[in-house]
Structures are given as C-alpha cells and as structure tokens.
C-alpha atoms as a PDB file:
ATOM      1  CA  MET A   1      97.157 166.617  76.733  1.00  0.00           C
ATOM      2  CA  ALA A   2      97.861 164.658  79.589  1.00  0.00           C
ATOM      3  CA  VAL A   3      98.011 161.530  77.348  1.00  0.00           C
ATOM      4  CA  TYR A   4     101.162 162.417  76.801  1.00  0.00           C
ATOM      5  CA  GLU A   5     102.723 161.341  80.062  1.00  0.00           C
ATOM      6  CA  GLN A   6     102.341 157.907  78.362  1.00  0.00           C
ATOM      7  CA  ILE A   7     104.937 158.509  75.779  1.00  0.00           C
ATOM      8  CA  GLY A   8     106.779 161.767  76.908  1.00  0.00           C
ATOM      9  CA  LYS A   9     109.890 159.097  77.953  1.00  0.00           C
ATOM     10  CA  SER A  10     110.447 157.993  74.229  1.00  0.00           C
ATOM     11  CA  TYR A  11     108.775 161.186  72.421  1.00  0.00           C
ATOM     12  CA  ASP A  12     112.815 163.025  71.682  1.00  0.00           C
ATOM     13  CA  LEU A  13     113.811 159.597  69.904  1.00  0.00           C
ATOM     14  CA  THR A  14     112.053 159.858  66.734  1.00  0.00           C
ATOM     15  CA  ARG A  15     110.494 163.736  67.259  1.00  0.00           C
ATOM     16  CA  ARG A  16     112.318 166.529  66.292  1.00  0.00           C
ATOM     17  CA  ALA A  17     111.702 169.980  64.655  1.00  0.00           C
ATOM     18  CA  ASP A  18     111.793 169.600  60.633  1.00  0.00           C
ATOM     19  CA  PRO A  19     113.561 172.603  59.357  1.00  0.00           C
ATOM     20  CA  GLU A  20     111.163 172.932  56.442  1.00  0.00           C
ATOM     21  CA  ILE A  21     108.197 172.749  58.825  1.00  0.00           C
ATOM     22  CA  ALA A  22     109.625 175.502  61.364  1.00  0.00           C
ATOM     23  CA  ALA A  23     111.087 177.902  58.599  1.00  0.00           C
ATOM     24  CA  ARG A  24     107.249 177.972  57.046  1.00  0.00           C
ATOM     25  CA  LEU A  25     105.979 178.331  60.674  1.00  0.00           C
ATOM     26  CA  ALA A  26     108.527 181.023  61.317  1.00  0.00           C
ATOM     27  CA  VAL A  27     107.240 183.095  57.666  1.00  0.00           C
ATOM     28  CA  HIS A  28     104.082 182.731  58.773  1.00  0.00           C
ATOM     29  CA  LEU A  29     104.353 184.030  62.090  1.00  0.00           C
ATOM     30  CA  GLN A  30     106.461 186.973  60.715  1.00  0.00           C
ATOM     31  CA  VAL A  31     109.135 186.540  63.835  1.00  0.00           C
ATOM     32  CA  LYS A  32     110.596 189.480  64.845  1.00  0.00           C
ATOM     33  CA  SER A  33     113.751 189.626  67.473  1.00  0.00           C
ATOM     34  CA  ASP A  34     112.017 192.384  69.991  1.00  0.00           C
ATOM     35  CA  PHE A  35     108.736 190.504  70.304  1.00  0.00           C
ATOM     36  CA  SER A  36     107.368 188.116  72.536  1.00  0.00           C
ATOM     37  CA  TYR A  37     105.646 184.614  71.325  1.00  0.00           C
ATOM     38  CA  LEU A  38     103.967 181.493  72.749  1.00  0.00           C
ATOM     39  CA  ASP A  39     103.765 177.887  71.836  1.00  0.00           C
ATOM     40  CA  ILE A  40     100.587 176.085  72.949  1.00  0.00           C
ATOM     41  CA  GLY A  41     100.624 172.514  73.379  1.00  0.00           C
ATOM     42  CA  CYS A  42     104.386 172.859  72.688  1.00  0.00           C
ATOM     43  CA  GLY A  43     105.607 169.116  74.074  1.00  0.00           C
ATOM     44  CA  THR A  44     109.149 168.613  74.550  1.00  0.00           C
ATOM     45  CA  GLY A  45     109.448 172.198  72.794  1.00  0.00           C
ATOM     46  CA  ASN A  46     111.224 170.893  69.937  1.00  0.00           C
ATOM     47  CA  TYR A  47     109.811 173.677  67.433  1.00  0.00           C
ATOM     48  CA  THR A  48     109.608 176.431  70.407  1.00  0.00           C
ATOM     49  CA  LEU A  49     113.384 176.043  70.329  1.00  0.00           C
ATOM     50  CA  ALA A  50     113.529 175.848  66.378  1.00  0.00           C
ATOM     51  CA  LEU A  51     111.523 179.096  65.961  1.00  0.00           C
ATOM     52  CA  ALA A  52     113.111 181.050  69.143  1.00  0.00           C
ATOM     53  CA  LYS A  53     116.484 180.486  66.880  1.00  0.00           C
ATOM     54  CA  HIS A  54     114.496 182.759  64.270  1.00  0.00           C
ATOM     55  CA  GLY A  55     114.334 185.476  67.263  1.00  0.00           C
ATOM     56  CA  GLY A  56     111.737 186.474  69.519  1.00  0.00           C
ATOM     57  CA  VAL A  57     111.173 186.078  73.553  1.00  0.00           C
ATOM     58  CA  TRP A  58     109.342 182.318  73.466  1.00  0.00           C
ATOM     59  CA  HIS A  59     107.116 181.029  75.952  1.00  0.00           C
ATOM     60  CA  GLY A  60     105.863 177.610  76.040  1.00  0.00           C
ATOM     61  CA  VAL A  61     103.001 176.056  77.800  1.00  0.00           C
ATOM     62  CA  ASP A  62     101.989 172.338  77.913  1.00  0.00           C
ATOM     63  CA  GLN A  63      99.400 170.257  79.868  1.00  0.00           C
ATOM     64  CA  SER A  64     101.966 167.426  80.730  1.00  0.00           C
ATOM     65  CA  LYS A  65     104.702 167.874  83.196  1.00  0.00           C
ATOM     66  CA  GLN A  66     106.899 165.476  81.762  1.00  0.00           C
ATOM     67  CA  MET A  67     107.054 167.035  78.599  1.00  0.00           C
ATOM     68  CA  ILE A  68     107.696 170.243  80.197  1.00  0.00           C
ATOM     69  CA  ASP A  69     110.336 168.849  82.243  1.00  0.00           C
ATOM     70  CA  ALA A  70     111.760 167.398  78.848  1.00  0.00           C
ATOM     71  CA  ALA A  71     111.875 171.020  77.237  1.00  0.00           C
ATOM     72  CA  THR A  72     113.550 172.375  80.713  1.00  0.00           C
ATOM     73  CA  ASN A  73     116.175 169.954  80.295  1.00  0.00           C
ATOM     74  CA  LYS A  74     117.001 170.825  76.566  1.00  0.00           C
ATOM     75  CA  SER A  75     117.022 174.615  77.249  1.00  0.00           C
ATOM     76  CA  ASN A  76     116.195 177.635  79.042  1.00  0.00           C
ATOM     77  CA  ALA A  77     116.319 179.987  76.247  1.00  0.00           C
ATOM     78  CA  VAL A  78     112.430 179.237  76.163  1.00  0.00           C
ATOM     79  CA  LEU A  79     110.182 180.503  79.688  1.00  0.00           C
ATOM     80  CA  TRP A  80     108.265 177.188  79.936  1.00  0.00           C
ATOM     81  CA  GLN A  81     105.261 176.448  82.021  1.00  0.00           C
ATOM     82  CA  VAL A  82     102.913 173.353  82.775  1.00  0.00           C
ATOM     83  CA  ALA A  83      99.432 175.249  81.925  1.00  0.00           C
ATOM     84  CA  GLU A  84      96.098 174.353  80.489  1.00  0.00           C
ATOM     85  CA  ALA A  85      95.664 175.829  76.815  1.00  0.00           C
ATOM     86  CA  GLU A  86      91.918 176.845  78.463  1.00  0.00           C
ATOM     87  CA  ALA A  87      93.443 179.026  80.957  1.00  0.00           C
ATOM     88  CA  LEU A  88      96.578 180.545  79.719  1.00  0.00           C
ATOM     89  CA  PRO A  89      98.777 181.998  82.635  1.00  0.00           C
ATOM     90  CA  TYR A  90      99.012 185.452  80.866  1.00  0.00           C
ATOM     91  CA  ALA A  91      97.925 189.043  80.685  1.00  0.00           C
ATOM     92  CA  ASN A  92      95.799 190.182  77.706  1.00  0.00           C
ATOM     93  CA  GLY A  93      97.792 191.282  74.658  1.00  0.00           C
ATOM     94  CA  THR A  94     100.993 189.498  76.022  1.00  0.00           C
ATOM     95  CA  PHE A  95     102.239 188.221  72.558  1.00  0.00           C
ATOM     96  CA  SER A  96     102.804 189.078  69.020  1.00  0.00           C
ATOM     97  CA  GLY A  97     102.064 185.744  67.778  1.00  0.00           C
ATOM     98  CA  VAL A  98     101.162 182.175  69.125  1.00  0.00           C
ATOM     99  CA  LEU A  99     101.656 178.698  67.614  1.00  0.00           C
ATOM    100  CA  CYS A 100     100.106 175.570  67.854  1.00  0.00           C
ATOM    101  CA  THR A 101     101.697 172.257  65.960  1.00  0.00           C
ATOM    102  CA  LEU A 102     100.000 169.266  65.857  1.00  0.00           C
ATOM    103  CA  ALA A 103      98.089 169.492  69.275  1.00  0.00           C
ATOM    104  CA  ILE A 104      94.408 170.561  68.452  1.00  0.00           C
ATOM    105  CA  HIS A 105      92.953 167.282  68.619  1.00  0.00           C
ATOM    106  CA  HIS A 106      94.073 167.014  72.109  1.00  0.00           C
ATOM    107  CA  PHE A 107      91.661 170.140  73.469  1.00  0.00           C
ATOM    108  CA  ALA A 108      88.390 169.105  74.649  1.00  0.00           C
ATOM    109  CA  ALA A 109      86.754 171.962  72.847  1.00  0.00           C
ATOM    110  CA  LEU A 110      88.444 174.363  70.346  1.00  0.00           C
ATOM    111  CA  THR A 111      86.355 177.694  71.158  1.00  0.00           C
ATOM    112  CA  PRO A 112      87.717 178.205  74.546  1.00  0.00           C
ATOM    113  CA  VAL A 113      91.221 177.415  73.723  1.00  0.00           C
ATOM    114  CA  PHE A 114      90.880 180.145  71.028  1.00  0.00           C
ATOM    115  CA  LYS A 115      89.266 182.586  72.653  1.00  0.00           C
ATOM    116  CA  GLU A 116      92.365 182.570  75.405  1.00  0.00           C
ATOM    117  CA  VAL A 117      94.777 182.742  72.332  1.00  0.00           C
ATOM    118  CA  TYR A 118      93.117 185.502  71.038  1.00  0.00           C
ATOM    119  CA  ARG A 119      92.962 187.062  74.779  1.00  0.00           C
ATOM    120  CA  VAL A 120      96.778 186.863  75.081  1.00  0.00           C
ATOM    121  CA  LEU A 121      97.288 187.929  71.375  1.00  0.00           C
ATOM    122  CA  ALA A 122      98.110 191.605  71.215  1.00  0.00           C
ATOM    123  CA  ALA A 123      98.645 191.591  67.484  1.00  0.00           C
ATOM    124  CA  GLY A 124      99.852 189.322  65.144  1.00  0.00           C
ATOM    125  CA  TYR A 125      99.023 186.102  63.845  1.00  0.00           C
ATOM    126  CA  PHE A 126      97.880 182.547  65.209  1.00  0.00           C
ATOM    127  CA  VAL A 127      99.783 179.830  63.525  1.00  0.00           C
ATOM    128  CA  LEU A 128      98.465 176.008  63.530  1.00  0.00           C
ATOM    129  CA  PHE A 129      99.822 173.341  61.739  1.00  0.00           C
ATOM    130  CA  THR A 130      97.557 170.355  61.962  1.00  0.00           C
ATOM    131  CA  ALA A 131      95.634 167.629  59.507  1.00  0.00           C
ATOM    132  CA  THR A 132      91.929 167.547  58.678  1.00  0.00           C
ATOM    133  CA  PRO A 133      89.931 163.625  58.759  1.00  0.00           C
ATOM    134  CA  GLU A 134      89.623 164.056  54.943  1.00  0.00           C
ATOM    135  CA  GLN A 135      93.177 164.541  54.559  1.00  0.00           C
ATOM    136  CA  MET A 136      93.430 161.480  57.265  1.00  0.00           C
ATOM    137  CA  SER A 137      91.062 159.459  55.353  1.00  0.00           C
ATOM    138  CA  LYS A 138      93.311 159.314  52.193  1.00  0.00           C
ATOM    139  CA  TYR A 139      96.645 158.130  54.240  1.00  0.00           C
ATOM    140  CA  TRP A 140      97.610 154.803  52.923  1.00  0.00           C
ATOM    141  CA  LEU A 141      98.024 153.665  56.688  1.00  0.00           C
ATOM    142  CA  VAL A 142      94.251 153.313  56.360  1.00  0.00           C
ATOM    143  CA  GLU A 143      95.424 149.887  54.889  1.00  0.00           C
ATOM    144  CA  TYR A 144      96.864 148.355  57.591  1.00  0.00           C
ATOM    145  CA  PHE A 145      95.509 150.102  60.615  1.00  0.00           C
ATOM    146  CA  PRO A 146      91.893 151.393  59.789  1.00  0.00           C
ATOM    147  CA  GLU A 147      90.742 151.297  63.632  1.00  0.00           C
ATOM    148  CA  ALA A 148      93.348 153.460  65.349  1.00  0.00           C
ATOM    149  CA  ILE A 149      93.257 156.136  62.043  1.00  0.00           C
ATOM    150  CA  HIS A 150      89.732 156.221  62.102  1.00  0.00           C
ATOM    151  CA  LYS A 151      89.587 157.097  65.793  1.00  0.00           C
ATOM    152  CA  TYR A 152      92.271 159.369  65.418  1.00  0.00           C
ATOM    153  CA  ALA A 153      89.924 161.294  62.426  1.00  0.00           C
ATOM    154  CA  GLU A 154      87.152 160.984  64.857  1.00  0.00           C
ATOM    155  CA  ASN A 155      89.434 162.797  67.533  1.00  0.00           C
ATOM    156  CA  MET A 156      90.774 165.284  64.661  1.00  0.00           C
ATOM    157  CA  PRO A 157      88.482 168.716  64.310  1.00  0.00           C
ATOM    158  CA  SER A 158      87.414 169.224  60.534  1.00  0.00           C
ATOM    159  CA  LEU A 159      88.620 172.464  58.650  1.00  0.00           C
ATOM    160  CA  GLU A 160      84.991 173.929  59.229  1.00  0.00           C
ATOM    161  CA  LYS A 161      85.257 173.463  62.911  1.00  0.00           C
ATOM    162  CA  VAL A 162      88.463 174.890  62.984  1.00  0.00           C
ATOM    163  CA  ARG A 163      87.141 177.948  60.821  1.00  0.00           C
ATOM    164  CA  TYR A 164      84.165 178.035  63.140  1.00  0.00           C
ATOM    165  CA  ALA A 165      86.034 178.379  66.421  1.00  0.00           C
ATOM    166  CA  LEU A 166      88.540 180.737  65.217  1.00  0.00           C
ATOM    167  CA  ASN A 167      85.521 182.998  64.099  1.00  0.00           C
ATOM    168  CA  GLU A 168      83.892 182.460  67.254  1.00  0.00           C
ATOM    169  CA  ALA A 169      86.953 183.224  69.078  1.00  0.00           C
ATOM    170  CA  GLY A 170      87.318 186.690  67.367  1.00  0.00           C
ATOM    171  CA  PHE A 171      89.607 186.165  64.380  1.00  0.00           C
ATOM    172  CA  ASN A 172      88.637 187.421  61.260  1.00  0.00           C
ATOM    173  CA  SER A 173      90.428 186.109  58.473  1.00  0.00           C
ATOM    174  CA  VAL A 174      92.062 182.543  58.137  1.00  0.00           C
ATOM    175  CA  SER A 175      94.521 181.736  55.387  1.00  0.00           C
ATOM    176  CA  ILE A 176      95.470 178.284  54.003  1.00  0.00           C
ATOM    177  CA  GLU A 177      98.883 176.866  53.074  1.00  0.00           C
ATOM    178  CA  PRO A 178      98.670 173.072  52.103  1.00  0.00           C
ATOM    179  CA  TYR A 179     101.605 170.986  52.945  1.00  0.00           C
ATOM    180  CA  SER A 180     102.796 167.818  51.612  1.00  0.00           C
ATOM    181  CA  ILE A 181     105.162 165.275  53.192  1.00  0.00           C
ATOM    182  CA  SER A 182     108.469 165.359  52.078  1.00  0.00           C
ATOM    183  CA  GLU A 183     110.777 162.278  51.361  1.00  0.00           C
ATOM    184  CA  ASN A 184     113.458 163.611  54.210  1.00  0.00           C
ATOM    185  CA  LEU A 185     111.263 164.744  56.697  1.00  0.00           C
ATOM    186  CA  GLN A 186     113.044 164.848  60.462  1.00  0.00           C
ATOM    187  CA  ASP A 187     109.749 165.183  62.307  1.00  0.00           C
ATOM    188  CA  LEU A 188     108.523 161.318  62.649  1.00  0.00           C
ATOM    189  CA  PHE A 189     104.791 162.431  63.130  1.00  0.00           C
ATOM    190  CA  LEU A 190     102.006 159.993  62.054  1.00  0.00           C
ATOM    191  CA  TYR A 191     102.279 160.297  58.289  1.00  0.00           C
ATOM    192  CA  SER A 192     106.001 161.052  57.911  1.00  0.00           C
ATOM    193  CA  GLY A 193     106.374 157.593  56.712  1.00  0.00           C
ATOM    194  CA  LYS A 194     104.590 158.189  53.162  1.00  0.00           C
ATOM    195  CA  TYR A 195     107.263 157.270  50.964  1.00  0.00           C
ATOM    196  CA  ARG A 196     109.545 155.367  54.005  1.00  0.00           C
ATOM    197  CA  PRO A 197     106.812 152.407  55.110  1.00  0.00           C
ATOM    198  CA  GLU A 198     109.480 150.567  56.793  1.00  0.00           C
ATOM    199  CA  ILE A 199     109.755 152.984  59.548  1.00  0.00           C
ATOM    200  CA  TYR A 200     106.353 152.088  61.127  1.00  0.00           C
ATOM    201  CA  LEU A 201     107.749 148.582  61.905  1.00  0.00           C
ATOM    202  CA  ASP A 202     110.117 150.213  64.521  1.00  0.00           C
ATOM    203  CA  GLU A 203     108.528 150.113  67.573  1.00  0.00           C
ATOM    204  CA  ASN A 204     110.508 153.391  68.956  1.00  0.00           C
ATOM    205  CA  VAL A 205     108.640 155.612  65.706  1.00  0.00           C
ATOM    206  CA  ARG A 206     105.332 154.332  66.823  1.00  0.00           C
ATOM    207  CA  ALA A 207     106.161 155.079  70.593  1.00  0.00           C
ATOM    208  CA  GLY A 208     106.371 158.598  69.433  1.00  0.00           C
ATOM    209  CA  ILE A 209     103.206 159.006  67.442  1.00  0.00           C
ATOM    210  CA  SER A 210     100.297 159.294  69.627  1.00  0.00           C
ATOM    211  CA  THR A 211      97.978 157.359  67.085  1.00  0.00           C
ATOM    212  CA  PHE A 212      99.843 153.979  67.920  1.00  0.00           C
ATOM    213  CA  ALA A 213     100.812 154.470  71.218  1.00  0.00           C
ATOM    214  CA  LEU A 214      97.138 155.543  72.481  1.00  0.00           C
ATOM    215  CA  LEU A 215      94.769 154.409  70.027  1.00  0.00           C
ATOM    216  CA  ALA A 216      95.758 151.409  68.297  1.00  0.00           C
ATOM    217  CA  SER A 217      95.046 148.151  69.686  1.00  0.00           C
ATOM    218  CA  ALA A 218      97.951 145.125  70.031  1.00  0.00           C
ATOM    219  CA  ASN A 219      96.201 143.016  68.050  1.00  0.00           C
ATOM    220  CA  GLU A 220      95.878 145.772  65.318  1.00  0.00           C
ATOM    221  CA  ILE A 221      99.756 146.734  65.441  1.00  0.00           C
ATOM    222  CA  THR A 222     100.643 143.128  65.374  1.00  0.00           C
ATOM    223  CA  THR A 223      98.351 142.144  62.199  1.00  0.00           C
ATOM    224  CA  GLY A 224      99.093 145.614  60.433  1.00  0.00           C
ATOM    225  CA  CYS A 225     102.815 145.359  60.773  1.00  0.00           C
ATOM    226  CA  GLN A 226     102.691 141.730  59.560  1.00  0.00           C
ATOM    227  CA  ARG A 227     101.223 142.740  56.369  1.00  0.00           C
ATOM    228  CA  LEU A 228     102.914 145.873  55.918  1.00  0.00           C
ATOM    229  CA  ALA A 229     106.397 143.767  56.263  1.00  0.00           C
ATOM    230  CA  ALA A 230     105.065 141.291  53.948  1.00  0.00           C
ATOM    231  CA  ASP A 231     104.024 144.047  51.246  1.00  0.00           C
ATOM    232  CA  ILE A 232     107.108 145.926  51.612  1.00  0.00           C
ATOM    233  CA  ASN A 233     108.959 142.511  51.145  1.00  0.00           C
ATOM    234  CA  THR A 234     107.127 141.736  47.794  1.00  0.00           C
ATOM    235  CA  GLY A 235     107.112 145.241  46.641  1.00  0.00           C
ATOM    236  CA  HIS A 236     103.388 145.306  46.814  1.00  0.00           C
ATOM    237  CA  ILE A 237     103.526 148.442  49.144  1.00  0.00           C
ATOM    238  CA  THR A 238     104.165 150.470  45.989  1.00  0.00           C
ATOM    239  CA  GLU A 239     100.929 149.683  44.557  1.00  0.00           C
ATOM    240  CA  ILE A 240      98.729 150.590  47.772  1.00  0.00           C
ATOM    241  CA  VAL A 241     100.584 153.756  48.214  1.00  0.00           C
ATOM    242  CA  ASN A 242      99.640 154.596  44.631  1.00  0.00           C
ATOM    243  CA  LYS A 243      96.163 153.643  45.422  1.00  0.00           C
ATOM    244  CA  TYR A 244      96.091 156.447  47.915  1.00  0.00           C
ATOM    245  CA  LYS A 245      97.472 159.037  45.779  1.00  0.00           C
ATOM    246  CA  ASN A 246      95.232 162.257  45.843  1.00  0.00           C
ATOM    247  CA  ASN A 247      95.451 166.015  45.166  1.00  0.00           C
ATOM    248  CA  GLN A 248      94.817 167.077  48.524  1.00  0.00           C
ATOM    249  CA  GLU A 249      97.951 167.538  50.463  1.00  0.00           C
ATOM    250  CA  ASP A 250      98.784 165.432  53.774  1.00  0.00           C
ATOM    251  CA  TYR A 251      98.477 168.563  56.425  1.00  0.00           C
ATOM    252  CA  LEU A 252      97.937 172.085  56.888  1.00  0.00           C
ATOM    253  CA  PHE A 253      98.952 175.403  57.950  1.00  0.00           C
ATOM    254  CA  LEU A 254      96.313 177.300  59.181  1.00  0.00           C
ATOM    255  CA  VAL A 255      96.986 181.356  59.744  1.00  0.00           C
ATOM    256  CA  ALA A 256      94.707 183.439  61.368  1.00  0.00           C
ATOM    257  CA  ASN A 257      94.507 186.955  62.606  1.00  0.00           C
END
C-alpha cells in the first residue's frame, strides 16, 4: 500500500468514515468493549477511529508511514503501527475481530494476508468491505474514464478469488451483505458520486481516490471531465446514469469466520 504515500497528503480532505458503513462494520464485527480488534490497511485511520467509538481496544496497521503518521496525529486512542499485512507484528490469537475496508486490491496476493489474519484471530469475524470487478463494470464512470476503471477492475480480486483465499487461509464460512451507495455518503471513495456526478470534477475529490490519482492518465482525466461537465450541463448525465442502472449492488460486506 505504499502507493498511498503519493496521495496521503490530501487524503483526509475528502475521505472520512461514513456513519452508515461504520455502523454496519460494527454490527458484523459484533464489537464488545473488553476485546481487541485490528484494522489492516487502515490508511489514516478513519474507520478504525469510528469503530473504536463502538468499544474495544483497537490496533491499526498500514504499509504507508505517511498514512500511519496522519492517523497518529488524529488520535492516540488506537495503537497504530507501520507493518506489512503479510507479516503482522502480533502473537497468535491476539484479536477478537479483524477489519479491512477498501484495501484488498492493494495486496500482492490474498492468501498470505488472509493466513496472517487467521493466525492473529482468536475467534470472531474477519470483515471486509470491497467491490468486485463485476460490480465495477456496472459503474457509470466507465462511460467517462474507461481505461482507469478497467485498470482498477483488473486489480480488484473477484468474489470467487476472495472466497477461495479465505478458504485456503482456514475460514470455513463466508456471508455476504450487498451495499448500495446512498445519496448522502460521506466517504468520497470511487463510486461515492453515483448520484452526485459533479464531485468528480473536483480535483481534491479525485486526489483522494486511487483510481484517479494513480491509474488514470492526465489525458483521460481531462477528456473525461470535459465530457462529464458537458453532460451535467445539458442534463444528458441522467440518461447515462439510467443506462447503467442494475440490480447488482455497488459494494459488498464480506464476513468470514
């Protein structure tokens, strides 16, 4: 996740824990006050801190020193550490729950990470919040930024691969809760502008989204934003958004135990 060294400086301008997503994560983790929990790929700690308000002793790890420095500056209520997800600096059975939000596409391979999670988990749940390539192919953003979305989808493990890696690591059951973007979503990640297309014209918003910050070419961003702005102005954007309506929700909560 060292890629985030590049976008860490402006990340928190547009990225914050969404209360609805944080509440669902807390429910899936079944957070209890006397137990210890871990957030892997925690970034600047937005969801770690939101979950810590629900109780428990929280730890957060990220490969990016810049992200961990930003998290540390926010709060010392969580025990932050720079570490690789493939080599977690904790003893076997340390935690009663592990969290990973919007980060699995940054891992070189899933099985080694999931095996480490399994090792440090005493009991309880491993909860992931992610998207699948199939879901991403249905985002209307494909209309304006096809190369960037295609590259991102290529990096994103399929649901089948995630399930396989979880089974390989020792998790024996995985449940799924689909998630659809809400109109007042507060965390401006990739498809947060599903109902607010104008946010993608904001350079700060794009800077906090790895797809734009790291995968999209300058030319594609310029061209895509010009087309998007024109379609917003004419109202043609409504037609585009409707064209991509589907019954597959936009993201998933995966709960393994």
